[in-house]
Amino acid sequence: MSDERLPIKFFAKREVDNMRVEAGGGGEPPKLVLSPEELRIKSRSFVNTVQEFRTKVLKKERDNSLIPFVLKTKVIDDAKAKTHRREVSNLFRTGTDNNVLGLVDEDELIIKVEDSRQLDKILERLMNIQRYAHALSAIESISDFEPIINKSKNAESADYIVKLIDFQNYEQNKAIRNYFERIMNNMGHKVIRTNYTPSHVVYNVKGVNHDELMTLNKNEIFEAIFSIEPMPRYTVALDMEKDEATINILTPKEGKKYAIVGILDNGIADIPHVKPWLVDERYTAYPEHYIKKDHGTFVSGVVIYGDHLEGKKWVGTEGVKVLDACVYPDTDMEGIEEELIRNIQEAVKAHHRDVKVWNLSISVINEVDEYSFSDFAVALDALQDQYGVLICKSAGNCKNFKTGHPKGKIHQGADSVRSIVVGSI
């Protein structure tokens, strides 16, 4: 052993390192930074625009308004990187709190202005072309923020999803939400509030037409709205062909402890192949006559018999128990919208101590957005963080190949960063 050569190598720093590059790229300004004359022209334009906001900001001060003024700034195409956005954010940071509330799109930032003092500080910086040359060069335009509004195809009556701006202040957000709910009740609109996370609240306004909902723009609360869009519909998406193959019924071994997988679906039927593996406890959000139990039964069969069906030891657990968590109804009898996430939250909350892995093969039939996470994904991430569980989420089905079109994107919910997202061919 004393003569054995150990795999240890010694590394020493070069005495003179000609390869080193100082951080910051030598202090040269980015190529997008404009000339002094171009900066002066841009500065004057932005100052004139922001000066026009003064009347609105002063009125809010006089009225002791609950809702801050919100403006929007668009960055140029060459300034979408984080380093450039940081420079823009610093220009609008007027105190210890960050006035930049977030992205509307990949190239648009929304900023709150609480009072005229903050507005004056922003104006002062917009005029300082030497110190804020980088930020000014990166900005394409400044305008007041207007909510994102999409109209339902149903002209008569529809359910809308309304999101308020997150002002990054708990007390302020709480007061504005209470104000919004009061206004909606006074207008006679039925609203259902869903907490996707403690800070991400979504409202479902039931059975209104678009024009009726847009009367909100006559009220100050309209300035706190981030978006008004038709409520998305949820659906179980499953492609399967009839298979004549048969498989022997497996039963759990007496005295052996099996892991439990929660099946968040439309219910599990106690067929002979599945019944021995069903745990006694169950969660359901619906009475029996509103449950179809087809998709959930299929999914639980794959969970229990996956290795046997494939003829390979991919999981190698020799079986798992399954918990029936019926969060989705028979949609021929009952529709489902934002209550899906509430059902999932309740099921996981009730059983998270015993069930650490959950399967969710339900998607919103909308493709993920390029620049923002879906509400569904945000809720799933928060749920997994809160209860220390893992959700196995389906990627969604794409049938574009049938018509020769390029493949689509994964569906909303599959953009969850905490889940294991699974697709198949």
Foldseek 3Di string as FASTA:
>chain_A
DVPDDDPDDDDDDDPDDPPDDDPPRVVDDDPLQDDPVVLQVLLVVQLVQLVVCQVVQVVCVVVVNLAFFKKKWFFDPVQLDPVLVVLLQVLLQQDPDRQFQDAPFSGMIMGTDNHVVSSVSSNVSSNVCVVSRSNSSGTDDMGTDAAAEDFDPDQQWAKKKWWFRQRVDVVSVVVLVVVVVVVCVVLVWDWDWDCLDVRGIMIITGIDGPVSVVVCVVDPSSSGIHYIGTFFFWDQDDDDDDDPDDDDADADDPPDDFAEEEEAEQWADCPRNQVRQEDPDAAAPDDPVFGDRDVSNVVSCCVFCVCVVVVHCPPVRNGHHYYYQRLDTNCVVPTDTPCSLVSVLVVCVVCLVRHQEYEDNMFGPDAADPGDADSLLSSVQNSCVVRVHEYEYEQDDFDVVVVPDDTDHGTHNLPRPRYNYDYDD
